[in-house]
Amino acid sequence: KEKEEAHRKVLDTQKKVEDKHNLEVEIQWLKGKIQMMEYMEGDDVRDKMESLRTLLEEKEAELDDLDQLNTTLLAK
């Protein structure tokens, strides 16, 4: 029973690490996309950039929440 619980905790931790990594990769991709679009012109580009910036802010907030959750779980 204890081995099963320990194994489950390891799997949960691995999933959290993978989720965090995927989120960090997505954030870097969004930053690169926005940076690239800064040199383009047009209303549609501006609208798309604003949409990407909003998404970036959401992803960064999600990453912060995930970091706080991990810190809380490690403290227990």
N, C-alpha and C. Protein backbone atom coordinates (compact mmCIF):
# COMPACT_ATOMS: atom_id res chain seq x y z
N LYS A 1 0.83 -1.20 0.00
CA LYS A 1 0.00 0.00 0.00
C LYS A 1 0.88 1.26 0.00
N GLU A 2 1.91 1.26 0.84
CA GLU A 2 2.79 2.43 0.91
C GLU A 2 3.56 2.61 -0.39
N LYS A 3 3.95 1.49 -1.01
CA LYS A 3 4.65 1.57 -2.29
C LYS A 3 3.76 2.18 -3.36
N GLU A 4 2.49 1.78 -3.36
CA GLU A 4 1.54 2.32 -4.33
C GLU A 4 1.37 3.82 -4.14
N GLU A 5 1.27 4.24 -2.90
CA GLU A 5 1.12 5.67 -2.60
C GLU A 5 2.36 6.44 -3.03
N ALA A 6 3.53 5.90 -2.74
CA ALA A 6 4.78 6.55 -3.14
C ALA A 6 4.88 6.62 -4.66
N HIS A 7 4.50 5.54 -5.33
CA HIS A 7 4.53 5.52 -6.80
C HIS A 7 3.57 6.55 -7.38
N ARG A 8 2.40 6.67 -6.78
CA ARG A 8 1.42 7.65 -7.24
C ARG A 8 1.97 9.07 -7.07
N LYS A 9 2.63 9.32 -5.95
CA LYS A 9 3.20 10.64 -5.71
C LYS A 9 4.29 10.96 -6.72
N VAL A 10 5.10 9.97 -7.05
CA VAL A 10 6.15 10.17 -8.06
C VAL A 10 5.52 10.50 -9.41
N LEU A 11 4.49 9.76 -9.79
CA LEU A 11 3.81 10.03 -11.07
C LEU A 11 3.17 11.41 -11.08
N ASP A 12 2.55 11.79 -9.97
CA ASP A 12 1.95 13.13 -9.87
C ASP A 12 3.01 14.21 -10.01
N THR A 13 4.13 14.01 -9.36
CA THR A 13 5.22 14.98 -9.43
C THR A 13 5.77 15.08 -10.85
N GLN A 14 5.94 13.95 -11.50
CA GLN A 14 6.42 13.95 -12.89
C GLN A 14 5.46 14.69 -13.80
N LYS A 15 4.16 14.49 -13.60
CA LYS A 15 3.15 15.17 -14.42
C LYS A 15 3.22 16.68 -14.20
N LYS A 16 3.37 17.09 -12.94
CA LYS A 16 3.45 18.52 -12.64
C LYS A 16 4.68 19.15 -13.28
N VAL A 17 5.80 18.45 -13.23
CA VAL A 17 7.03 18.95 -13.85
C VAL A 17 6.84 19.07 -15.35
N GLU A 18 6.23 18.06 -15.95
CA GLU A 18 5.97 18.09 -17.39
C GLU A 18 5.01 19.22 -17.77
N ASP A 19 3.96 19.40 -16.97
CA ASP A 19 3.01 20.49 -17.23
C ASP A 19 3.70 21.85 -17.14
N LYS A 20 4.56 22.00 -16.13
CA LYS A 20 5.28 23.26 -15.96
C LYS A 20 6.20 23.51 -17.14
N HIS A 21 6.91 22.48 -17.56
CA HIS A 21 7.82 22.61 -18.71
C HIS A 21 7.05 23.01 -19.97
N ASN A 22 5.93 22.35 -20.22
CA ASN A 22 5.12 22.66 -21.40
C ASN A 22 4.63 24.10 -21.35
N LEU A 23 4.24 24.56 -20.17
CA LEU A 23 3.77 25.93 -20.01
C LEU A 23 4.91 26.91 -20.26
N GLU A 24 6.10 26.61 -19.76
CA GLU A 24 7.25 27.48 -19.99
C GLU A 24 7.60 27.55 -21.48
N VAL A 25 7.53 26.43 -22.17
CA VAL A 25 7.80 26.41 -23.61
C VAL A 25 6.76 27.24 -24.36
N GLU A 26 5.50 27.10 -23.98
CA GLU A 26 4.44 27.87 -24.63
C GLU A 26 4.62 29.37 -24.39
N ILE A 27 5.02 29.74 -23.19
CA ILE A 27 5.26 31.16 -22.87
C ILE A 27 6.40 31.70 -23.73
N GLN A 28 7.48 30.95 -23.86
CA GLN A 28 8.60 31.40 -24.69
C GLN A 28 8.19 31.53 -26.16
N TRP A 29 7.38 30.59 -26.63
CA TRP A 29 6.89 30.65 -28.01
C TRP A 29 6.05 31.91 -28.22
N LEU A 30 5.16 32.20 -27.27
CA LEU A 30 4.32 33.39 -27.39
C LEU A 30 5.16 34.66 -27.39
N LYS A 31 6.16 34.72 -26.52
CA LYS A 31 7.03 35.89 -26.47
C LYS A 31 7.75 36.08 -27.81
N GLY A 32 8.24 34.99 -28.38
CA GLY A 32 8.92 35.07 -29.67
C GLY A 32 7.98 35.52 -30.78
N LYS A 33 6.78 34.99 -30.77
CA LYS A 33 5.78 35.35 -31.79
C LYS A 33 5.44 36.84 -31.69
N ILE A 34 5.24 37.33 -30.47
CA ILE A 34 4.93 38.75 -30.27
C ILE A 34 6.10 39.61 -30.72
N GLN A 35 7.30 39.22 -30.35
CA GLN A 35 8.50 39.99 -30.73
C GLN A 35 8.63 40.06 -32.24
N MET A 36 8.35 38.97 -32.92
CA MET A 36 8.43 38.94 -34.37
C MET A 36 7.38 39.85 -35.00
N MET A 37 6.20 39.87 -34.42
CA MET A 37 5.09 40.65 -34.98
C MET A 37 5.27 42.15 -34.78
N GLU A 38 6.14 42.55 -33.85
CA GLU A 38 6.35 43.97 -33.59
C GLU A 38 6.87 44.71 -34.81
N TYR A 39 7.48 43.99 -35.74
CA TYR A 39 8.03 44.61 -36.94
C TYR A 39 7.03 44.63 -38.09
N MET A 40 5.86 44.07 -37.88
CA MET A 40 4.84 44.03 -38.92
C MET A 40 3.87 45.19 -38.73
N GLU A 41 3.15 45.51 -39.78
CA GLU A 41 2.19 46.62 -39.72
C GLU A 41 0.80 46.11 -40.06
N GLY A 42 -0.19 46.91 -39.66
CA GLY A 42 -1.57 46.61 -40.00
C GLY A 42 -2.43 46.41 -38.76
N ASP A 43 -3.71 46.75 -38.93
CA ASP A 43 -4.65 46.62 -37.82
C ASP A 43 -4.82 45.16 -37.40
N ASP A 44 -4.85 44.27 -38.38
CA ASP A 44 -5.03 42.86 -38.05
C ASP A 44 -3.84 42.33 -37.25
N VAL A 45 -2.65 42.82 -37.55
CA VAL A 45 -1.46 42.41 -36.81
C VAL A 45 -1.53 42.93 -35.38
N ARG A 46 -1.95 44.19 -35.24
CA ARG A 46 -2.08 44.78 -33.90
C ARG A 46 -3.10 44.02 -33.06
N ASP A 47 -4.22 43.67 -33.69
CA ASP A 47 -5.25 42.91 -32.97
C ASP A 47 -4.73 41.54 -32.55
N LYS A 48 -4.02 40.89 -33.44
CA LYS A 48 -3.45 39.57 -33.15
C LYS A 48 -2.41 39.66 -32.03
N MET A 49 -1.59 40.72 -32.07
CA MET A 49 -0.59 40.91 -31.02
C MET A 49 -1.26 41.12 -29.67
N GLU A 50 -2.32 41.89 -29.66
CA GLU A 50 -3.03 42.15 -28.41
C GLU A 50 -3.62 40.84 -27.87
N SER A 51 -4.16 40.05 -28.77
CA SER A 51 -4.70 38.75 -28.38
C SER A 51 -3.61 37.85 -27.81
N LEU A 52 -2.45 37.84 -28.46
CA LEU A 52 -1.32 37.03 -27.98
C LEU A 52 -0.80 37.54 -26.64
N ARG A 53 -0.77 38.85 -26.47
CA ARG A 53 -0.32 39.42 -25.18
C ARG A 53 -1.25 39.00 -24.05
N THR A 54 -2.55 39.02 -24.33
CA THR A 54 -3.53 38.60 -23.33
C THR A 54 -3.32 37.13 -22.98
N LEU A 55 -3.14 36.31 -23.99
CA LEU A 55 -2.89 34.88 -23.78
C LEU A 55 -1.59 34.68 -22.99
N LEU A 56 -0.57 35.45 -23.32
CA LEU A 56 0.71 35.37 -22.61
C LEU A 56 0.52 35.70 -21.13
N GLU A 57 -0.22 36.76 -20.84
CA GLU A 57 -0.47 37.13 -19.44
C GLU A 57 -1.20 36.01 -18.71
N GLU A 58 -2.16 35.38 -19.37
CA GLU A 58 -2.90 34.28 -18.76
C GLU A 58 -1.97 33.10 -18.47
N LYS A 59 -1.10 32.78 -19.42
CA LYS A 59 -0.17 31.66 -19.25
C LYS A 59 0.84 31.95 -18.15
N GLU A 60 1.31 33.20 -18.06
CA GLU A 60 2.26 33.56 -17.00
C GLU A 60 1.58 33.48 -15.64
N ALA A 61 0.32 33.89 -15.56
CA ALA A 61 -0.42 33.78 -14.31
C ALA A 61 -0.63 32.31 -13.94
N GLU A 62 -0.91 31.49 -14.94
CA GLU A 62 -1.07 30.05 -14.71
C GLU A 62 0.23 29.44 -14.19
N LEU A 63 1.36 29.86 -14.74
CA LEU A 63 2.66 29.37 -14.29
C LEU A 63 2.92 29.81 -12.85
N ASP A 64 2.60 31.06 -12.53
CA ASP A 64 2.76 31.54 -11.16
C ASP A 64 1.92 30.72 -10.19
N ASP A 65 0.66 30.45 -10.58
CA ASP A 65 -0.22 29.64 -9.74
C ASP A 65 0.35 28.24 -9.54
N LEU A 66 0.88 27.67 -10.59
CA LEU A 66 1.46 26.34 -10.52
C LEU A 66 2.69 26.33 -9.60
N ASP A 67 3.51 27.37 -9.70
CA ASP A 67 4.68 27.49 -8.82
C ASP A 67 4.26 27.60 -7.36
N GLN A 68 3.23 28.40 -7.10
CA GLN A 68 2.74 28.57 -5.73
C GLN A 68 2.18 27.25 -5.19
N LEU A 69 1.45 26.53 -6.03
CA LEU A 69 0.90 25.25 -5.62
C LEU A 69 2.02 24.27 -5.29
N ASN A 70 3.02 24.22 -6.14
CA ASN A 70 4.16 23.32 -5.91
C ASN A 70 4.89 23.68 -4.62
N THR A 71 5.06 24.96 -4.37
CA THR A 71 5.72 25.41 -3.15
C THR A 71 4.91 24.99 -1.93
N THR A 72 3.60 25.16 -2.02
CA THR A 72 2.72 24.77 -0.91
C THR A 72 2.78 23.27 -0.67
N LEU A 73 2.75 22.50 -1.75
CA LEU A 73 2.79 21.04 -1.61
C LEU A 73 4.12 20.56 -1.04
N LEU A 74 5.21 21.22 -1.44
CA LEU A 74 6.52 20.83 -0.92
C LEU A 74 6.66 21.18 0.56
N ALA A 75 5.98 22.25 0.98
CA ALA A 75 6.06 22.66 2.38
C ALA A 75 5.35 21.66 3.29
N LYS A 76 4.37 20.94 2.73
CA LYS A 76 3.64 19.96 3.54
C LYS A 76 4.47 18.76 3.67
